[in-house]
Amino acid sequence: MPKVLLIDDDAELISLIAEYLEREGFEVMTAHNGEAGVAATLCGQPDIAVLDVMMPRQNGIDTLRRIRSASSLPVIMLTARGDEADRIIGLELGADDYVPKPCTPRELTARIRAILRRTQPALNEESVGRPLARFDRSIDVHVSSLRHKLGTMLDGRSCIQTIFRQGYQMVSE
């Protein structure tokens, strides 16, 4: 289950977005200011962060800088400041997307999923537990071992038939 960190000082908005994301199958963490957001980024290990620009004490731009200095976490800027200059600054500082408010939870969810698809491949070395190879022959080796153990049928054929570009099947007599 992907973990989303919401960083915004608007508690009502965070509650609304968190509820929607949880119904969509995400685990949600929240932070109500930039300092808490940076701490949650480092401790909670979210998969993506949604960050507001206009917050008290540490604004979203400074928060983004601190997140980028410590992590390559994908970040979506969600903010009421939607003019071109603000969008360009956010994107140049390392935001993966910049979404002006108001934004529907459905659109935000679609953007989160799109970024996660791009940044988190389903199969990588860590999930498989070994380096990935273009041509993995482990199944062929297992089938060869099975053929050897099963022997041949009365007419001399193998019990396991190879089907070109498909796989293998057991042969009945």
N, C-alpha and C. Protein backbone atom coordinates (compact mmCIF):
# COMPACT_ATOMS: atom_id res chain seq x y z
N MET A 1 0.85 -1.17 0.00
CA MET A 1 0.00 0.00 0.00
C MET A 1 0.90 1.24 0.00
N PRO A 2 0.80 2.09 -1.01
CA PRO A 2 1.64 3.29 -1.08
C PRO A 2 1.34 4.25 0.07
N LYS A 3 2.40 4.90 0.56
CA LYS A 3 2.27 5.81 1.69
C LYS A 3 2.42 7.25 1.18
N VAL A 4 1.39 8.08 1.44
CA VAL A 4 1.36 9.47 1.00
C VAL A 4 1.50 10.37 2.22
N LEU A 5 2.41 11.35 2.13
CA LEU A 5 2.57 12.35 3.18
C LEU A 5 1.92 13.64 2.72
N LEU A 6 0.93 14.13 3.48
CA LEU A 6 0.26 15.40 3.19
C LEU A 6 0.83 16.46 4.11
N ILE A 7 1.39 17.54 3.53
CA ILE A 7 1.96 18.63 4.32
C ILE A 7 1.19 19.90 3.98
N ASP A 8 0.34 20.35 4.91
CA ASP A 8 -0.50 21.53 4.69
C ASP A 8 -0.97 22.04 6.04
N ASP A 9 -1.08 23.36 6.19
CA ASP A 9 -1.54 23.92 7.46
C ASP A 9 -3.06 23.94 7.57
N ASP A 10 -3.77 23.65 6.49
CA ASP A 10 -5.24 23.64 6.49
C ASP A 10 -5.73 22.26 6.92
N ALA A 11 -6.09 22.14 8.21
CA ALA A 11 -6.48 20.85 8.78
C ALA A 11 -7.72 20.27 8.10
N GLU A 12 -8.66 21.12 7.72
CA GLU A 12 -9.88 20.65 7.07
C GLU A 12 -9.57 20.04 5.71
N LEU A 13 -8.72 20.70 4.94
CA LEU A 13 -8.34 20.20 3.62
C LEU A 13 -7.58 18.88 3.75
N ILE A 14 -6.65 18.82 4.69
CA ILE A 14 -5.88 17.58 4.90
C ILE A 14 -6.82 16.43 5.26
N SER A 15 -7.79 16.70 6.11
CA SER A 15 -8.74 15.67 6.52
C SER A 15 -9.53 15.15 5.31
N LEU A 16 -10.00 16.05 4.47
CA LEU A 16 -10.76 15.68 3.28
C LEU A 16 -9.92 14.84 2.33
N ILE A 17 -8.71 15.31 2.03
CA ILE A 17 -7.84 14.58 1.09
C ILE A 17 -7.42 13.24 1.68
N ALA A 18 -7.09 13.22 2.97
CA ALA A 18 -6.66 11.97 3.61
C ALA A 18 -7.77 10.92 3.56
N GLU A 19 -8.99 11.34 3.85
CA GLU A 19 -10.11 10.41 3.81
C GLU A 19 -10.29 9.82 2.41
N TYR A 20 -10.21 10.67 1.39
CA TYR A 20 -10.37 10.21 0.02
C TYR A 20 -9.24 9.24 -0.36
N LEU A 21 -8.00 9.61 -0.03
CA LEU A 21 -6.86 8.75 -0.39
C LEU A 21 -6.93 7.40 0.33
N GLU A 22 -7.37 7.40 1.57
CA GLU A 22 -7.49 6.14 2.30
C GLU A 22 -8.54 5.23 1.66
N ARG A 23 -9.64 5.82 1.18
CA ARG A 23 -10.65 5.03 0.48
C ARG A 23 -10.12 4.48 -0.83
N GLU A 24 -9.13 5.17 -1.41
CA GLU A 24 -8.53 4.73 -2.67
C GLU A 24 -7.38 3.74 -2.45
N GLY A 25 -7.13 3.38 -1.19
CA GLY A 25 -6.13 2.36 -0.92
C GLY A 25 -4.75 2.86 -0.54
N PHE A 26 -4.62 4.14 -0.19
CA PHE A 26 -3.34 4.69 0.22
C PHE A 26 -3.25 4.74 1.73
N GLU A 27 -2.05 4.62 2.25
CA GLU A 27 -1.79 4.89 3.66
C GLU A 27 -1.41 6.37 3.73
N VAL A 28 -1.99 7.13 4.65
CA VAL A 28 -1.79 8.58 4.68
C VAL A 28 -1.12 9.01 5.98
N MET A 29 -0.09 9.84 5.84
CA MET A 29 0.56 10.50 6.97
C MET A 29 0.29 11.99 6.79
N THR A 30 0.19 12.74 7.89
CA THR A 30 -0.07 14.17 7.78
C THR A 30 0.94 14.96 8.59
N ALA A 31 1.20 16.18 8.13
CA ALA A 31 2.02 17.14 8.85
C ALA A 31 1.40 18.51 8.63
N HIS A 32 1.33 19.33 9.68
CA HIS A 32 0.65 20.62 9.59
C HIS A 32 1.59 21.80 9.42
N ASN A 33 2.89 21.54 9.29
CA ASN A 33 3.84 22.62 8.98
C ASN A 33 5.07 22.01 8.31
N GLY A 34 5.93 22.87 7.80
CA GLY A 34 7.09 22.41 7.04
C GLY A 34 8.07 21.59 7.85
N GLU A 35 8.35 22.03 9.09
CA GLU A 35 9.31 21.30 9.93
C GLU A 35 8.84 19.87 10.18
N ALA A 36 7.56 19.73 10.53
CA ALA A 36 7.00 18.40 10.77
C ALA A 36 7.01 17.57 9.48
N GLY A 37 6.80 18.24 8.35
CA GLY A 37 6.82 17.54 7.07
C GLY A 37 8.19 16.99 6.73
N VAL A 38 9.23 17.79 6.97
CA VAL A 38 10.60 17.31 6.72
C VAL A 38 10.93 16.15 7.64
N ALA A 39 10.56 16.27 8.91
CA ALA A 39 10.80 15.18 9.87
C ALA A 39 10.07 13.91 9.45
N ALA A 40 8.82 14.04 9.02
CA ALA A 40 8.04 12.88 8.59
C ALA A 40 8.64 12.26 7.33
N THR A 41 9.22 13.08 6.47
CA THR A 41 9.87 12.57 5.27
C THR A 41 11.03 11.67 5.62
N LEU A 42 11.81 12.10 6.62
CA LEU A 42 13.00 11.35 6.99
C LEU A 42 12.68 10.13 7.85
N CYS A 43 11.66 10.23 8.70
CA CYS A 43 11.34 9.14 9.64
C CYS A 43 10.29 8.17 9.11
N GLY A 44 9.26 8.70 8.46
CA GLY A 44 8.13 7.87 8.07
C GLY A 44 8.29 7.15 6.76
N GLN A 45 9.29 7.51 5.97
CA GLN A 45 9.56 6.91 4.67
C GLN A 45 8.33 6.83 3.77
N PRO A 46 7.73 7.97 3.46
CA PRO A 46 6.59 7.95 2.54
C PRO A 46 7.06 7.67 1.12
N ASP A 47 6.12 7.28 0.26
CA ASP A 47 6.43 7.05 -1.15
C ASP A 47 6.31 8.32 -1.97
N ILE A 48 5.50 9.28 -1.49
CA ILE A 48 5.29 10.54 -2.19
C ILE A 48 4.78 11.57 -1.18
N ALA A 49 5.07 12.84 -1.43
CA ALA A 49 4.58 13.91 -0.56
C ALA A 49 3.74 14.89 -1.38
N VAL A 50 2.67 15.40 -0.77
CA VAL A 50 1.85 16.46 -1.35
C VAL A 50 2.05 17.66 -0.44
N LEU A 51 2.57 18.75 -1.00
CA LEU A 51 3.06 19.87 -0.21
C LEU A 51 2.39 21.18 -0.60
N ASP A 52 1.92 21.93 0.40
CA ASP A 52 1.35 23.27 0.19
C ASP A 52 2.50 24.28 0.21
N VAL A 53 2.37 25.36 -0.55
CA VAL A 53 3.42 26.38 -0.58
C VAL A 53 3.25 27.37 0.57
N MET A 54 2.03 27.86 0.78
CA MET A 54 1.80 28.92 1.76
C MET A 54 1.48 28.33 3.13
N MET A 55 2.53 28.24 3.97
CA MET A 55 2.38 27.75 5.34
C MET A 55 3.12 28.69 6.27
N PRO A 56 2.72 28.77 7.54
CA PRO A 56 3.43 29.62 8.48
C PRO A 56 4.81 29.05 8.81
N ARG A 57 5.68 29.86 9.35
CA ARG A 57 7.05 29.53 9.75
C ARG A 57 7.91 29.12 8.56
N GLN A 58 7.82 27.90 8.13
CA GLN A 58 8.62 27.42 7.00
C GLN A 58 7.69 27.18 5.82
N ASN A 59 7.83 27.99 4.76
CA ASN A 59 6.91 27.85 3.63
C ASN A 59 7.24 26.59 2.81
N GLY A 60 6.39 26.31 1.83
CA GLY A 60 6.54 25.10 1.04
C GLY A 60 7.80 25.06 0.19
N ILE A 61 8.25 26.22 -0.27
CA ILE A 61 9.47 26.28 -1.09
C ILE A 61 10.68 25.87 -0.24
N ASP A 62 10.77 26.43 0.98
CA ASP A 62 11.87 26.05 1.88
C ASP A 62 11.77 24.58 2.29
N THR A 63 10.55 24.13 2.51
CA THR A 63 10.33 22.72 2.86
C THR A 63 10.78 21.82 1.72
N LEU A 64 10.44 22.19 0.49
CA LEU A 64 10.86 21.42 -0.68
C LEU A 64 12.38 21.37 -0.77
N ARG A 65 13.04 22.51 -0.54
CA ARG A 65 14.51 22.54 -0.58
C ARG A 65 15.11 21.57 0.44
N ARG A 66 14.55 21.57 1.65
CA ARG A 66 15.07 20.69 2.70
C ARG A 66 14.80 19.22 2.38
N ILE A 67 13.63 18.93 1.82
CA ILE A 67 13.32 17.55 1.42
C ILE A 67 14.29 17.10 0.33
N ARG A 68 14.50 17.96 -0.67
CA ARG A 68 15.39 17.61 -1.79
C ARG A 68 16.83 17.43 -1.35
N SER A 69 17.26 18.17 -0.32
CA SER A 69 18.65 18.04 0.14
C SER A 69 18.88 16.69 0.84
N ALA A 70 17.81 16.08 1.34
CA ALA A 70 17.96 14.84 2.10
C ALA A 70 17.39 13.61 1.40
N SER A 71 16.60 13.81 0.34
CA SER A 71 15.87 12.67 -0.22
C SER A 71 15.49 12.94 -1.67
N SER A 72 15.20 11.87 -2.39
CA SER A 72 14.70 12.01 -3.77
C SER A 72 13.21 11.69 -3.82
N LEU A 73 12.53 11.87 -2.71
CA LEU A 73 11.10 11.61 -2.59
C LEU A 73 10.32 12.41 -3.64
N PRO A 74 9.41 11.78 -4.39
CA PRO A 74 8.56 12.54 -5.31
C PRO A 74 7.67 13.51 -4.53
N VAL A 75 7.55 14.74 -5.05
CA VAL A 75 6.77 15.78 -4.37
C VAL A 75 5.81 16.43 -5.36
N ILE A 76 4.54 16.54 -4.95
CA ILE A 76 3.54 17.29 -5.71
C ILE A 76 3.24 18.55 -4.92
N MET A 77 3.39 19.70 -5.55
CA MET A 77 3.03 20.97 -4.91
C MET A 77 1.54 21.20 -5.15
N LEU A 78 0.78 21.37 -4.08
CA LEU A 78 -0.65 21.63 -4.15
C LEU A 78 -0.87 22.97 -3.47
N THR A 79 -1.18 24.01 -4.26
CA THR A 79 -1.19 25.34 -3.67
C THR A 79 -2.15 26.29 -4.36
N ALA A 80 -2.54 27.31 -3.62
CA ALA A 80 -3.43 28.35 -4.16
C ALA A 80 -2.65 29.30 -5.05
N ARG A 81 -1.33 29.30 -4.94
CA ARG A 81 -0.50 30.17 -5.78
C ARG A 81 -0.26 29.48 -7.11
N GLY A 82 -1.09 29.80 -8.08
CA GLY A 82 -1.05 29.08 -9.35
C GLY A 82 -0.49 29.88 -10.51
N ASP A 83 0.09 31.07 -10.25
CA ASP A 83 0.61 31.84 -11.37
C ASP A 83 1.88 31.17 -11.93
N GLU A 84 2.21 31.52 -13.14
CA GLU A 84 3.28 30.85 -13.87
C GLU A 84 4.62 30.91 -13.15
N ALA A 85 4.97 32.05 -12.58
CA ALA A 85 6.26 32.20 -11.90
C ALA A 85 6.38 31.22 -10.73
N ASP A 86 5.31 31.09 -9.94
CA ASP A 86 5.33 30.16 -8.81
C ASP A 86 5.45 28.71 -9.28
N ARG A 87 4.74 28.36 -10.35
CA ARG A 87 4.83 26.99 -10.87
C ARG A 87 6.24 26.69 -11.35
N ILE A 88 6.84 27.64 -12.05
CA ILE A 88 8.20 27.43 -12.57
C ILE A 88 9.20 27.28 -11.43
N ILE A 89 9.09 28.12 -10.41
CA ILE A 89 10.00 28.02 -9.26
C ILE A 89 9.86 26.66 -8.60
N GLY A 90 8.62 26.23 -8.36
CA GLY A 90 8.40 24.93 -7.73
C GLY A 90 8.97 23.79 -8.54
N LEU A 91 8.75 23.81 -9.83
CA LEU A 91 9.25 22.73 -10.69
C LEU A 91 10.77 22.76 -10.80
N GLU A 92 11.35 23.97 -10.88
CA GLU A 92 12.81 24.07 -10.98
C GLU A 92 13.50 23.65 -9.69
N LEU A 93 12.83 23.80 -8.56
CA LEU A 93 13.42 23.38 -7.29
C LEU A 93 13.30 21.88 -7.06
N GLY A 94 12.58 21.20 -7.93
CA GLY A 94 12.54 19.74 -7.82
C GLY A 94 11.18 19.12 -7.61
N ALA A 95 10.12 19.91 -7.64
CA ALA A 95 8.78 19.32 -7.52
C ALA A 95 8.50 18.48 -8.77
N ASP A 96 7.83 17.37 -8.59
CA ASP A 96 7.50 16.50 -9.72
C ASP A 96 6.24 16.95 -10.44
N ASP A 97 5.38 17.68 -9.74
CA ASP A 97 4.15 18.20 -10.33
C ASP A 97 3.72 19.41 -9.52
N TYR A 98 2.94 20.29 -10.12
CA TYR A 98 2.47 21.50 -9.46
C TYR A 98 0.99 21.63 -9.77
N VAL A 99 0.15 21.48 -8.75
CA VAL A 99 -1.29 21.47 -8.94
C VAL A 99 -1.90 22.67 -8.23
N PRO A 100 -2.54 23.58 -8.98
CA PRO A 100 -3.17 24.74 -8.32
C PRO A 100 -4.50 24.35 -7.67
N LYS A 101 -4.78 24.97 -6.51
CA LYS A 101 -6.08 24.79 -5.84
C LYS A 101 -7.07 25.69 -6.54
N PRO A 102 -8.33 25.39 -6.61
CA PRO A 102 -8.94 24.15 -6.14
C PRO A 102 -8.66 23.00 -7.11
N CYS A 103 -8.54 21.84 -6.53
CA CYS A 103 -8.26 20.62 -7.30
C CYS A 103 -9.13 19.52 -6.70
N THR A 104 -9.74 18.72 -7.53
CA THR A 104 -10.58 17.65 -7.01
C THR A 104 -9.70 16.53 -6.45
N PRO A 105 -10.16 15.85 -5.42
CA PRO A 105 -9.39 14.72 -4.88
C PRO A 105 -9.14 13.64 -5.93
N ARG A 106 -10.07 13.49 -6.85
CA ARG A 106 -9.92 12.48 -7.90
C ARG A 106 -8.73 12.82 -8.81
N GLU A 107 -8.59 14.10 -9.19
CA GLU A 107 -7.46 14.51 -10.02
C GLU A 107 -6.15 14.35 -9.27
N LEU A 108 -6.13 14.75 -8.01
CA LEU A 108 -4.92 14.61 -7.21
C LEU A 108 -4.51 13.14 -7.09
N THR A 109 -5.48 12.27 -6.88
CA THR A 109 -5.20 10.83 -6.78
C THR A 109 -4.62 10.31 -8.10
N ALA A 110 -5.17 10.75 -9.21
CA ALA A 110 -4.65 10.32 -10.52
C ALA A 110 -3.21 10.79 -10.71
N ARG A 111 -2.92 12.01 -10.29
CA ARG A 111 -1.54 12.52 -10.41
C ARG A 111 -0.58 11.75 -9.50
N ILE A 112 -1.03 11.43 -8.29
CA ILE A 112 -0.20 10.64 -7.37
C ILE A 112 0.10 9.28 -7.98
N ARG A 113 -0.92 8.62 -8.50
CA ARG A 113 -0.71 7.30 -9.10
C ARG A 113 0.23 7.37 -10.30
N ALA A 114 0.09 8.41 -11.12
CA ALA A 114 0.95 8.54 -12.30
C ALA A 114 2.41 8.69 -11.89
N ILE A 115 2.66 9.50 -10.89
CA ILE A 115 4.04 9.69 -10.44
C ILE A 115 4.58 8.42 -9.80
N LEU A 116 3.77 7.74 -9.00
CA LEU A 116 4.22 6.50 -8.38
C LEU A 116 4.51 5.42 -9.42
N ARG A 117 3.71 5.36 -10.48
CA ARG A 117 3.98 4.39 -11.55
C ARG A 117 5.35 4.65 -12.17
N ARG A 118 5.67 5.91 -12.33
CA ARG A 118 6.92 6.28 -12.97
C ARG A 118 8.12 6.09 -12.04
N THR A 119 7.93 6.31 -10.75
CA THR A 119 9.07 6.29 -9.83
C THR A 119 9.26 4.98 -9.10
N GLN A 120 8.26 4.10 -9.10
CA GLN A 120 8.38 2.83 -8.38
C GLN A 120 8.04 1.66 -9.29
N PRO A 121 9.03 1.15 -10.01
CA PRO A 121 8.76 0.00 -10.86
C PRO A 121 8.36 -1.21 -10.02
N ALA A 122 7.49 -2.04 -10.58
CA ALA A 122 6.97 -3.20 -9.85
C ALA A 122 8.07 -4.22 -9.55
N LEU A 123 8.93 -4.47 -10.50
CA LEU A 123 10.01 -5.42 -10.28
C LEU A 123 11.34 -4.70 -10.33
N ASN A 124 12.08 -4.79 -9.27
CA ASN A 124 13.43 -4.28 -9.25
C ASN A 124 14.29 -5.27 -8.49
N GLU A 125 15.57 -5.03 -8.40
CA GLU A 125 16.48 -5.97 -7.75
C GLU A 125 16.08 -6.23 -6.31
N GLU A 126 15.62 -5.18 -5.61
CA GLU A 126 15.29 -5.33 -4.20
C GLU A 126 14.09 -6.26 -4.00
N SER A 127 13.07 -6.14 -4.85
CA SER A 127 11.87 -6.96 -4.67
C SER A 127 12.10 -8.41 -5.10
N VAL A 128 12.95 -8.64 -6.08
CA VAL A 128 13.22 -9.99 -6.56
C VAL A 128 14.23 -10.68 -5.66
N GLY A 129 15.17 -9.91 -5.10
CA GLY A 129 16.17 -10.48 -4.22
C GLY A 129 17.45 -10.89 -4.93
N ARG A 130 17.54 -10.65 -6.21
CA ARG A 130 18.73 -10.96 -6.98
C ARG A 130 18.75 -10.04 -8.19
N PRO A 131 19.91 -9.90 -8.83
CA PRO A 131 19.97 -9.05 -10.02
C PRO A 131 19.06 -9.58 -11.13
N LEU A 132 18.40 -8.67 -11.81
CA LEU A 132 17.54 -9.08 -12.91
C LEU A 132 18.38 -9.37 -14.15
N ALA A 133 18.01 -10.42 -14.87
CA ALA A 133 18.71 -10.78 -16.10
C ALA A 133 17.72 -10.73 -17.25
N ARG A 134 18.22 -10.35 -18.42
CA ARG A 134 17.34 -10.27 -19.58
C ARG A 134 16.76 -11.64 -19.92
N PHE A 135 17.59 -12.68 -19.86
CA PHE A 135 17.15 -14.03 -20.16
C PHE A 135 17.40 -14.89 -18.93
N ASP A 136 16.41 -15.04 -18.10
CA ASP A 136 16.52 -15.84 -16.89
C ASP A 136 16.22 -17.29 -17.24
N ARG A 137 17.17 -18.17 -17.03
CA ARG A 137 17.04 -19.57 -17.43
C ARG A 137 16.68 -20.49 -16.27
N SER A 138 16.30 -19.94 -15.13
CA SER A 138 16.04 -20.78 -13.95
C SER A 138 14.89 -21.76 -14.20
N ILE A 139 13.85 -21.35 -14.91
CA ILE A 139 12.73 -22.26 -15.19
C ILE A 139 13.19 -23.39 -16.10
N ASP A 140 14.00 -23.07 -17.10
CA ASP A 140 14.51 -24.10 -18.00
C ASP A 140 15.33 -25.14 -17.23
N VAL A 141 16.11 -24.68 -16.27
CA VAL A 141 16.92 -25.60 -15.47
C VAL A 141 16.02 -26.50 -14.64
N HIS A 142 14.97 -25.94 -14.04
CA HIS A 142 14.04 -26.75 -13.25
C HIS A 142 13.31 -27.78 -14.12
N VAL A 143 12.88 -27.38 -15.30
CA VAL A 143 12.19 -28.31 -16.20
C VAL A 143 13.14 -29.42 -16.63
N SER A 144 14.38 -29.08 -16.89
CA SER A 144 15.37 -30.09 -17.26
C SER A 144 15.56 -31.10 -16.14
N SER A 145 15.61 -30.60 -14.92
CA SER A 145 15.73 -31.49 -13.76
C SER A 145 14.50 -32.39 -13.63
N LEU A 146 13.31 -31.83 -13.85
CA LEU A 146 12.08 -32.63 -13.80
C LEU A 146 12.08 -33.71 -14.89
N ARG A 147 12.51 -33.35 -16.09
CA ARG A 147 12.56 -34.33 -17.18
C ARG A 147 13.47 -35.49 -16.80
N HIS A 148 14.60 -35.16 -16.20
CA HIS A 148 15.55 -36.20 -15.81
C HIS A 148 14.94 -37.12 -14.75
N LYS A 149 14.25 -36.53 -13.75
CA LYS A 149 13.66 -37.32 -12.67
C LYS A 149 12.48 -38.16 -13.15
N LEU A 150 11.66 -37.61 -14.07
CA LEU A 150 10.48 -38.33 -14.55
C LEU A 150 10.83 -39.40 -15.57
N GLY A 151 11.95 -39.24 -16.24
CA GLY A 151 12.35 -40.21 -17.25
C GLY A 151 11.54 -40.05 -18.52
N THR A 152 11.49 -41.12 -19.32
CA THR A 152 10.76 -41.06 -20.59
C THR A 152 9.57 -42.01 -20.54
N MET A 153 8.66 -41.79 -21.47
CA MET A 153 7.49 -42.67 -21.59
C MET A 153 7.92 -43.93 -22.34
N LEU A 154 7.01 -44.89 -22.51
CA LEU A 154 7.32 -46.16 -23.17
C LEU A 154 7.81 -45.97 -24.60
N ASP A 155 7.27 -44.97 -25.29
CA ASP A 155 7.67 -44.75 -26.69
C ASP A 155 8.94 -43.89 -26.81
N GLY A 156 9.58 -43.53 -25.68
CA GLY A 156 10.84 -42.79 -25.73
C GLY A 156 10.71 -41.28 -25.64
N ARG A 157 9.47 -40.77 -25.66
CA ARG A 157 9.28 -39.32 -25.57
C ARG A 157 9.40 -38.85 -24.13
N SER A 158 9.71 -37.59 -23.95
CA SER A 158 9.77 -36.99 -22.62
C SER A 158 8.36 -36.75 -22.10
N CYS A 159 8.20 -36.79 -20.78
CA CYS A 159 6.89 -36.54 -20.17
C CYS A 159 6.50 -35.06 -20.24
N ILE A 160 7.47 -34.20 -20.45
CA ILE A 160 7.21 -32.76 -20.51
C ILE A 160 7.52 -32.28 -21.92
N GLN A 161 6.54 -31.67 -22.55
CA GLN A 161 6.68 -31.19 -23.92
C GLN A 161 6.92 -29.68 -23.90
N THR A 162 7.87 -29.22 -24.72
CA THR A 162 8.14 -27.79 -24.86
C THR A 162 7.24 -27.23 -25.94
N ILE A 163 6.53 -26.17 -25.63
CA ILE A 163 5.69 -25.48 -26.61
C ILE A 163 6.38 -24.17 -26.93
N PHE A 164 6.81 -24.01 -28.18
CA PHE A 164 7.60 -22.86 -28.60
C PHE A 164 6.94 -21.54 -28.24
N ARG A 165 7.68 -20.67 -27.57
CA ARG A 165 7.25 -19.33 -27.13
C ARG A 165 6.03 -19.33 -26.21
N GLN A 166 5.70 -20.48 -25.66
CA GLN A 166 4.56 -20.57 -24.75
C GLN A 166 5.00 -21.06 -23.38
N GLY A 167 5.71 -22.18 -23.34
CA GLY A 167 6.10 -22.77 -22.07
C GLY A 167 6.19 -24.27 -22.17
N TYR A 168 5.69 -24.96 -21.16
CA TYR A 168 5.80 -26.41 -21.09
C TYR A 168 4.45 -27.00 -20.72
N GLN A 169 4.26 -28.29 -21.08
CA GLN A 169 3.05 -28.99 -20.65
C GLN A 169 3.38 -30.46 -20.46
N MET A 170 2.64 -31.07 -19.54
CA MET A 170 2.79 -32.51 -19.30
C MET A 170 2.09 -33.25 -20.44
N VAL A 171 2.71 -34.33 -20.89
CA VAL A 171 2.15 -35.12 -21.98
C VAL A 171 1.53 -36.38 -21.38
N SER A 172 0.28 -36.64 -21.77
CA SER A 172 -0.37 -37.88 -21.32
C SER A 172 -0.04 -38.98 -22.33
N GLU A 173 -0.09 -40.22 -21.88
CA GLU A 173 0.27 -41.34 -22.77
C GLU A 173 -0.74 -41.62 -23.80
